Amino acid sequence: MEFAFSEEQEMLRRSARDFLAKECTPKVVRRLMESEDGYDAGMWKRMSELGWTALGIPEQYGGVGTFLDLVVVLEEAGRALLPGPLFATMGLAVPALIEAGTDSQKKHVLGAIASGDARATLALTEPSGRWDADGIKLVAHQAGDGWRLDGVKAFVPEAARADYMVVAARTRSEGEDGVSLFLVKGRPKGMAVAQLDSLDMTRRWSEVRFDGVELDGNALMGAAHTAWPQLKRALEWGAAALCAEMVGGAQKVLEASADYAKTRQQFGKPIGIYQAVSHRLADMLVLSESGRSATYYAAWTVDADAPDRSLASSMAKAYVSDAYRKIAGDGIQVHGGIGFTWEHDMHLYFKRAKSSEVTLGDATYHRELVAQALDL
């Protein structure tokens, strides 16, 4: 089997890289880091005009392209440390809507996202920080023809700018049985969003409180109590998408470190000739390419809905989580003292690597999922 991106996808990659090189420079990234919500409405509009917000959305809902097309763009976004709600919208909320939304919800919300008129996110994790079904404690009670939400969601990505929020709630029982998904529009009465301080300010996280938030019956996504299988599939989409971002960032760190090793001199020679540096760079290359292969295969299994998509996405997330963190840390070591300074960009990639490492579950969590898939 030949696995390679098509000529059109490679053109998309070049177009995305060129766009981000002009629109998302390190100066822009730092400006957005210092802003209140890390969001640039003008950049979002230009990305939607390029069709990025429609990638992977079914054509009948206004989308274009495939999930693999989105993976190409997200890899370039990770390379540029793109701030804002692209991953939260396209990598988390859109898969949840595709997997669990009603036809009416898909038509209205996916259509608005595809056109660039709406942003969305997924509210799954709670103060426990767990990404599995047992971590869902927020309660949803039936109230007449509708529902009432009570509880707290923590670490919700880009919640401050989300027009729609897919909320995972417990409607009965424990574990995987009794999980339901709700589509919340805007800021209904009783819902409060508070931004959290975090290590990586290129990606904003919030605590969202639901204090008697009343929703009508149309807010329920699919059937009550049975949403976990659909949510799990959506998280597989998200893991592959996040790995693509991480691979892009790792590649940028590797390139910057190799260039520095060729130009920085000690004792009249480039530091790259010394084994302590060159072997470290070689290890970084092995980690980067292995992570890329795992990510591309996971993306292919999700796009093709292959039987091993769950295993492939967990394998990729487990490997790339460790690889990106190690590459980013080694990149700082190659750069030496300057790599630790605020003025240098290397620390921004390290912080994104640490943030992405725990998002959707860290390597230990996904190794356990791999072990379960192997009946161990």
Protein backbone atom coordinates (compact mmCIF):
# COMPACT_ATOMS: atom_id res chain seq x y z
CA MET A 1 0.00 0.00 0.00
CA GLU A 2 1.33 3.43 -0.93
CA PHE A 3 0.60 6.03 1.71
CA ALA A 4 1.29 9.60 0.68
CA PHE A 5 -0.48 12.92 0.55
CA SER A 6 -1.97 13.87 -2.79
CA GLU A 7 -0.62 16.68 -4.96
CA GLU A 8 -3.59 18.82 -3.91
CA GLN A 9 -2.82 18.21 -0.23
CA GLU A 10 0.82 19.17 -0.72
CA MET A 11 -0.37 22.37 -2.41
CA LEU A 12 -2.60 22.98 0.60
CA ARG A 13 0.41 22.47 2.87
CA ARG A 14 2.50 25.02 0.96
CA SER A 15 -0.39 27.48 0.92
CA ALA A 16 -0.92 27.09 4.69
CA ARG A 17 2.78 27.51 5.42
CA ASP A 18 3.00 30.64 3.30
CA PHE A 19 -0.11 32.12 4.91
CA LEU A 20 1.08 31.44 8.46
CA ALA A 21 4.59 32.71 7.71
CA LYS A 22 3.02 36.10 6.92
CA GLU A 23 0.02 36.17 9.26
CA CYS A 24 1.28 34.26 12.31
CA THR A 25 4.84 35.41 12.87
CA PRO A 26 6.45 35.04 16.32
CA LYS A 27 5.68 38.72 16.88
CA VAL A 28 1.97 38.09 16.24
CA VAL A 29 2.01 35.01 18.49
CA ARG A 30 3.49 37.02 21.35
CA ARG A 31 1.01 39.85 20.82
CA LEU A 32 -1.90 37.41 21.05
CA MET A 33 -0.35 35.79 24.13
CA GLU A 34 -0.49 39.16 25.85
CA SER A 35 -4.07 39.88 24.75
CA GLU A 36 -7.10 39.16 26.88
CA ASP A 37 -8.32 36.06 25.05
CA GLY A 38 -5.62 35.21 22.50
CA TYR A 39 -8.03 35.63 19.61
CA ASP A 40 -7.66 37.59 16.38
CA ALA A 41 -11.00 37.98 14.59
CA GLY A 42 -9.32 39.18 11.42
CA MET A 43 -7.05 36.14 11.22
CA TRP A 44 -10.01 33.83 11.84
CA LYS A 45 -11.88 35.50 8.97
CA ARG A 46 -8.94 35.07 6.62
CA MET A 47 -8.56 31.41 7.59
CA SER A 48 -12.24 30.80 6.91
CA GLU A 49 -11.88 32.50 3.53
CA LEU A 50 -9.14 29.98 2.75
CA GLY A 51 -11.61 27.21 3.61
CA TRP A 52 -9.80 25.93 6.70
CA THR A 53 -12.91 26.05 8.87
CA ALA A 54 -14.74 23.79 6.40
CA LEU A 55 -12.12 21.03 6.18
CA GLY A 56 -13.36 17.62 7.28
CA ILE A 57 -17.00 18.75 7.55
CA PRO A 58 -19.39 16.72 5.36
CA GLU A 59 -20.29 18.42 2.11
CA GLN A 60 -24.03 18.45 2.86
CA TYR A 61 -23.30 20.75 5.82
CA GLY A 62 -21.17 23.20 3.87
CA GLY A 63 -17.83 21.47 4.31
CA VAL A 64 -15.06 20.63 1.87
CA GLY A 65 -12.20 18.16 1.78
CA THR A 66 -11.43 15.37 4.20
CA PHE A 67 -10.01 14.90 7.67
CA LEU A 68 -6.60 14.34 6.08
CA ASP A 69 -6.80 17.82 4.55
CA LEU A 70 -7.44 19.21 8.03
CA VAL A 71 -4.47 17.26 9.38
CA VAL A 72 -2.22 18.96 6.81
CA VAL A 73 -3.37 22.41 7.95
CA LEU A 74 -3.13 21.56 11.66
CA GLU A 75 0.44 20.36 11.20
CA GLU A 76 1.36 23.74 9.77
CA ALA A 77 -0.63 25.48 12.53
CA GLY A 78 1.43 23.62 15.14
CA ARG A 79 4.61 24.59 13.34
CA ALA A 80 3.64 28.26 13.66
CA LEU A 81 2.20 27.96 17.20
CA LEU A 82 -1.09 29.34 15.90
CA PRO A 83 -3.11 30.78 18.82
CA GLY A 84 -6.89 30.79 18.84
CA PRO A 85 -9.77 28.35 18.54
CA LEU A 86 -8.86 26.39 15.38
CA PHE A 87 -8.00 23.15 17.17
CA ALA A 88 -10.82 23.44 19.74
CA THR A 89 -13.33 24.02 16.96
CA MET A 90 -12.10 21.70 14.21
CA GLY A 91 -10.36 19.04 16.31
CA LEU A 92 -12.83 18.68 19.19
CA ALA A 93 -16.25 20.25 18.63
CA VAL A 94 -16.67 19.36 14.96
CA PRO A 95 -15.93 15.63 15.47
CA ALA A 96 -18.37 15.55 18.41
CA LEU A 97 -21.08 17.16 16.28
CA ILE A 98 -20.42 14.81 13.36
CA GLU A 99 -20.50 11.73 15.57
CA ALA A 100 -23.36 12.60 17.93
CA GLY A 101 -25.30 15.60 16.66
CA THR A 102 -28.81 15.49 15.27
CA ASP A 103 -29.32 16.41 11.63
CA SER A 104 -30.72 19.79 12.66
CA GLN A 105 -27.76 20.51 14.92
CA LYS A 106 -25.30 19.52 12.21
CA LYS A 107 -27.06 21.64 9.62
CA HIS A 108 -27.08 24.79 11.71
CA VAL A 109 -23.85 24.55 13.68
CA LEU A 110 -21.54 22.80 11.24
CA GLY A 111 -22.78 25.13 8.53
CA ALA A 112 -21.97 28.17 10.67
CA ILE A 113 -18.52 26.79 11.51
CA ALA A 114 -17.76 25.96 7.88
CA SER A 115 -18.58 29.50 6.81
CA GLY A 116 -16.42 30.96 9.58
CA ASP A 117 -19.37 32.51 11.39
CA ALA A 118 -19.07 30.39 14.53
CA ARG A 119 -16.48 28.89 16.84
CA ALA A 120 -17.06 25.95 19.15
CA THR A 121 -15.41 23.81 21.80
CA LEU A 122 -15.84 20.63 23.83
CA ALA A 123 -16.41 20.73 27.60
CA LEU A 124 -15.38 17.30 28.84
CA THR A 125 -12.81 17.44 31.63
CA GLU A 126 -13.61 18.42 35.20
CA PRO A 127 -11.41 19.34 38.20
CA SER A 128 -10.20 15.71 38.36
CA GLY A 129 -8.48 16.25 35.00
CA ARG A 130 -9.68 12.87 33.67
CA TRP A 131 -10.49 12.28 30.03
CA ASP A 132 -12.43 9.02 30.49
CA ALA A 133 -16.13 8.42 31.16
CA ASP A 134 -15.60 8.06 34.92
CA GLY A 135 -14.36 11.65 35.04
CA ILE A 136 -17.75 13.01 33.93
CA LYS A 137 -19.63 14.14 37.05
CA LEU A 138 -21.55 17.21 35.88
CA VAL A 139 -25.23 16.32 36.28
CA ALA A 140 -28.04 16.83 33.81
CA HIS A 141 -31.60 16.36 35.10
CA GLN A 142 -34.72 16.33 33.01
CA ALA A 143 -36.84 19.43 33.64
CA GLY A 144 -40.13 19.20 31.85
CA ASP A 145 -39.42 18.94 28.15
CA GLY A 146 -35.85 20.14 28.65
CA TRP A 147 -32.79 19.64 30.81
CA ARG A 148 -31.04 21.35 33.72
CA LEU A 149 -27.22 21.33 34.03
CA ASP A 150 -25.40 21.63 37.36
CA GLY A 151 -21.68 21.27 37.87
CA VAL A 152 -18.24 22.44 36.79
CA LYS A 153 -16.12 21.83 33.72
CA ALA A 154 -12.42 22.63 33.98
CA PHE A 155 -9.77 22.99 31.29
CA VAL A 156 -12.24 23.83 28.52
CA PRO A 157 -10.18 25.07 25.54
CA GLU A 158 -11.01 28.45 24.01
CA ALA A 159 -14.31 28.69 25.90
CA ALA A 160 -14.23 32.48 26.07
CA ARG A 161 -14.73 32.82 22.30
CA ALA A 162 -16.93 29.77 21.72
CA ASP A 163 -20.34 30.42 20.17
CA TYR A 164 -21.30 26.78 20.83
CA MET A 165 -20.16 24.32 23.47
CA VAL A 166 -20.60 20.56 23.40
CA VAL A 167 -21.02 19.57 27.05
CA ALA A 168 -20.61 16.03 28.38
CA ALA A 169 -22.92 15.36 31.33
CA ARG A 170 -24.06 12.45 33.44
CA THR A 171 -27.75 11.67 33.16
CA ARG A 172 -27.72 8.39 35.07
CA SER A 173 -25.54 5.60 36.47
CA GLU A 174 -21.73 5.61 36.46
CA GLY A 175 -18.98 4.86 33.98
CA GLU A 176 -19.72 4.72 30.27
CA ASP A 177 -23.43 4.13 30.82
CA GLY A 178 -25.38 7.30 31.42
CA VAL A 179 -23.24 9.86 29.55
CA SER A 180 -25.15 12.36 27.42
CA LEU A 181 -24.02 15.25 25.24
CA PHE A 182 -25.68 18.66 25.08
CA LEU A 183 -25.20 21.51 22.64
CA VAL A 184 -25.12 24.84 24.48
CA LYS A 185 -25.43 28.02 22.46
CA GLY A 186 -23.91 31.26 23.72
CA ARG A 187 -24.06 32.04 27.45
CA PRO A 188 -27.41 30.97 28.88
CA LYS A 189 -28.43 32.15 32.36
CA GLY A 190 -26.50 30.35 35.08
CA MET A 191 -23.43 29.65 32.93
CA ALA A 192 -20.16 31.38 33.89
CA VAL A 193 -16.81 31.22 32.09
CA ALA A 194 -13.58 32.09 33.93
CA GLN A 195 -10.23 31.96 32.17
CA LEU A 196 -7.54 29.91 33.91
CA ASP A 197 -3.88 30.79 34.28
CA SER A 198 -1.85 28.27 32.32
CA LEU A 199 1.71 27.50 31.24
CA ASP A 200 0.97 27.83 27.52
CA MET A 201 -0.64 31.19 26.82
CA THR A 202 -0.94 30.46 23.09
CA ARG A 203 -3.90 28.27 24.02
CA ARG A 204 -6.50 29.50 26.50
CA TRP A 205 -8.28 27.25 28.99
CA SER A 206 -11.31 28.12 31.09
CA GLU A 207 -13.41 26.88 33.96
CA VAL A 208 -17.08 26.77 33.04
CA ARG A 209 -19.70 26.64 35.78
CA PHE A 210 -23.27 25.51 35.24
CA ASP A 211 -25.62 26.63 37.98
CA GLY A 212 -29.10 25.49 37.07
CA VAL A 213 -28.60 26.14 33.35
CA GLU A 214 -31.87 25.31 31.60
CA LEU A 215 -31.81 23.90 28.08
CA ASP A 216 -34.67 22.92 25.84
CA GLY A 217 -35.09 19.40 24.56
CA ASN A 218 -33.42 20.22 21.25
CA ALA A 219 -30.10 20.71 23.05
CA LEU A 220 -29.71 16.96 23.60
CA MET A 221 -27.34 15.43 21.04
CA GLY A 222 -28.65 12.05 19.95
CA ALA A 223 -30.23 9.70 22.47
CA ALA A 224 -29.93 10.27 26.21
CA HIS A 225 -27.57 8.13 28.31
CA THR A 226 -25.76 6.52 25.34
CA ALA A 227 -23.34 9.18 24.09
CA TRP A 228 -20.03 7.75 25.30
CA PRO A 229 -19.30 5.58 22.21
CA GLN A 230 -19.86 8.58 19.94
CA LEU A 231 -17.80 10.83 22.22
CA LYS A 232 -14.99 8.27 22.30
CA ARG A 233 -14.89 8.23 18.50
CA ALA A 234 -14.78 12.03 18.49
CA LEU A 235 -11.82 11.94 20.89
CA GLU A 236 -10.02 9.65 18.44
CA TRP A 237 -10.46 12.36 15.82
CA GLY A 238 -9.14 14.87 18.32
CA ALA A 239 -6.10 12.80 19.29
CA ALA A 240 -5.02 12.42 15.66
CA ALA A 241 -5.61 16.14 15.04
CA LEU A 242 -3.62 17.15 18.13
CA CYS A 243 -0.77 14.83 17.16
CA ALA A 244 -0.61 16.59 13.79
CA GLU A 245 -0.16 19.92 15.58
CA MET A 246 2.52 18.42 17.79
CA VAL A 247 4.42 16.93 14.86
CA GLY A 248 4.47 20.32 13.17
CA GLY A 249 5.88 21.95 16.28
CA ALA A 250 8.49 19.23 16.73
CA GLN A 251 9.66 19.65 13.14
CA LYS A 252 10.07 23.40 13.60
CA VAL A 253 12.13 22.87 16.78
CA LEU A 254 14.34 20.35 14.97
CA GLU A 255 14.93 22.67 12.02
CA ALA A 256 15.71 25.66 14.24
CA SER A 257 18.10 23.59 16.36
CA ALA A 258 19.93 22.15 13.35
CA ASP A 259 20.33 25.61 11.83
CA TYR A 260 21.68 26.96 15.11
CA ALA A 261 24.14 24.07 15.42
CA LYS A 262 25.51 24.89 11.97
CA THR A 263 26.06 28.59 12.67
CA ARG A 264 26.92 28.84 16.40
CA GLN A 265 30.66 28.39 16.88
CA GLN A 266 32.78 27.30 19.80
CA PHE A 267 36.57 27.07 19.62
CA GLY A 268 36.37 28.24 16.02
CA LYS A 269 34.11 25.41 14.86
CA PRO A 270 30.31 24.98 14.50
CA ILE A 271 28.93 23.25 17.57
CA GLY A 272 27.17 20.74 15.32
CA ILE A 273 30.44 18.89 14.68
CA TYR A 274 30.60 17.81 18.32
CA GLN A 275 28.93 14.49 19.08
CA ALA A 276 27.20 15.82 22.19
CA VAL A 277 25.20 18.08 19.85
CA SER A 278 25.04 16.09 16.61
CA HIS A 279 23.88 12.88 18.30
CA ARG A 280 21.22 14.80 20.20
CA LEU A 281 19.97 16.22 16.90
CA ALA A 282 19.99 12.75 15.38
CA ASP A 283 17.85 11.47 18.24
CA MET A 284 15.48 14.40 17.74
CA LEU A 285 15.13 13.50 14.06
CA VAL A 286 14.34 9.86 14.87
CA LEU A 287 11.68 10.93 17.38
CA SER A 288 10.18 13.45 14.96
CA GLU A 289 9.95 11.07 12.00
CA SER A 290 8.62 8.19 14.11
CA GLY A 291 5.97 10.49 15.56
CA ARG A 292 5.07 11.71 12.09
CA SER A 293 4.58 8.15 10.86
CA ALA A 294 2.40 7.22 13.83
CA THR A 295 0.35 10.41 13.39
CA TYR A 296 -0.22 9.97 9.67
CA TYR A 297 -1.32 6.39 10.16
CA ALA A 298 -3.71 7.39 12.96
CA ALA A 299 -5.15 10.13 10.74
CA TRP A 300 -5.61 7.65 7.90
CA THR A 301 -7.45 5.17 10.16
CA VAL A 302 -9.79 7.90 11.38
CA ASP A 303 -10.44 9.18 7.87
CA ALA A 304 -11.07 5.64 6.58
CA ASP A 305 -12.93 4.57 9.76
CA ALA A 306 -10.61 1.57 9.92
CA PRO A 307 -11.16 -1.11 12.60
CA ASP A 308 -7.94 -0.17 14.40
CA ARG A 309 -8.62 3.58 14.60
CA SER A 310 -8.89 3.55 18.39
CA LEU A 311 -5.61 1.66 18.79
CA ALA A 312 -3.82 3.80 16.21
CA SER A 313 -4.91 7.11 17.74
CA SER A 314 -3.84 6.06 21.24
CA MET A 315 -0.50 4.74 19.95
CA ALA A 316 0.13 8.04 18.20
CA LYS A 317 -0.86 10.17 21.20
CA ALA A 318 1.25 8.08 23.58
CA TYR A 319 4.34 8.32 21.39
CA VAL A 320 4.04 11.91 20.18
CA SER A 321 3.29 13.26 23.67
CA ASP A 322 6.67 12.02 24.88
CA ALA A 323 8.47 12.79 21.62
CA TYR A 324 7.42 16.44 21.33
CA ARG A 325 8.27 17.16 24.96
CA LYS A 326 11.69 15.51 24.55
CA ILE A 327 12.41 17.29 21.26
CA ALA A 328 11.39 20.68 22.68
CA GLY A 329 13.55 20.12 25.76
CA ASP A 330 16.53 19.02 23.66
CA GLY A 331 16.03 22.03 21.41
CA ILE A 332 16.55 24.28 24.41
CA GLN A 333 19.70 22.31 25.32
CA VAL A 334 21.13 22.70 21.80
CA HIS A 335 20.56 26.44 21.95
CA GLY A 336 22.23 26.66 25.34
CA GLY A 337 21.70 29.73 27.51
CA ILE A 338 19.86 31.72 24.85
CA GLY A 339 17.23 28.98 24.64
CA PHE A 340 16.15 29.74 28.21
CA THR A 341 15.57 33.45 27.60
CA TRP A 342 12.15 35.04 27.21
CA GLU A 343 13.25 36.69 23.97
CA HIS A 344 13.89 33.36 22.24
CA ASP A 345 10.97 31.37 20.84
CA MET A 346 12.21 27.94 21.93
CA HIS A 347 10.48 28.17 25.31
CA LEU A 348 7.16 28.80 23.56
CA TYR A 349 7.42 25.43 21.82
CA PHE A 350 8.37 23.72 25.08
CA LYS A 351 5.31 25.17 26.80
CA ARG A 352 3.04 24.12 23.92
CA ALA A 353 4.60 20.64 24.09
CA LYS A 354 3.83 20.37 27.82
CA SER A 355 0.28 21.64 27.29
CA SER A 356 -0.40 19.26 24.41
CA GLU A 357 1.16 16.37 26.31
CA VAL A 358 -1.68 16.28 28.84
CA THR A 359 -4.47 17.41 26.52
CA LEU A 360 -6.75 14.44 25.66
CA GLY A 361 -4.76 12.31 28.09
CA ASP A 362 -1.02 11.93 28.60
CA ALA A 363 1.22 9.12 27.37
CA THR A 364 0.55 6.94 30.43
CA TYR A 365 -3.21 7.16 29.90
CA HIS A 366 -2.96 6.21 26.25
CA ARG A 367 -0.51 3.38 26.91
CA GLU A 368 -3.15 1.92 29.18
CA LEU A 369 -5.69 2.19 26.36
CA VAL A 370 -3.24 0.44 24.04
CA ALA A 371 -2.76 -2.30 26.62
CA GLN A 372 -6.52 -2.75 26.93
CA ALA A 373 -6.82 -2.97 23.15
CA LEU A 374 -4.25 -5.78 23.25
CA ASP A 375 -6.29 -7.55 25.98
CA LEU A 376 -3.47 -7.13 28.47
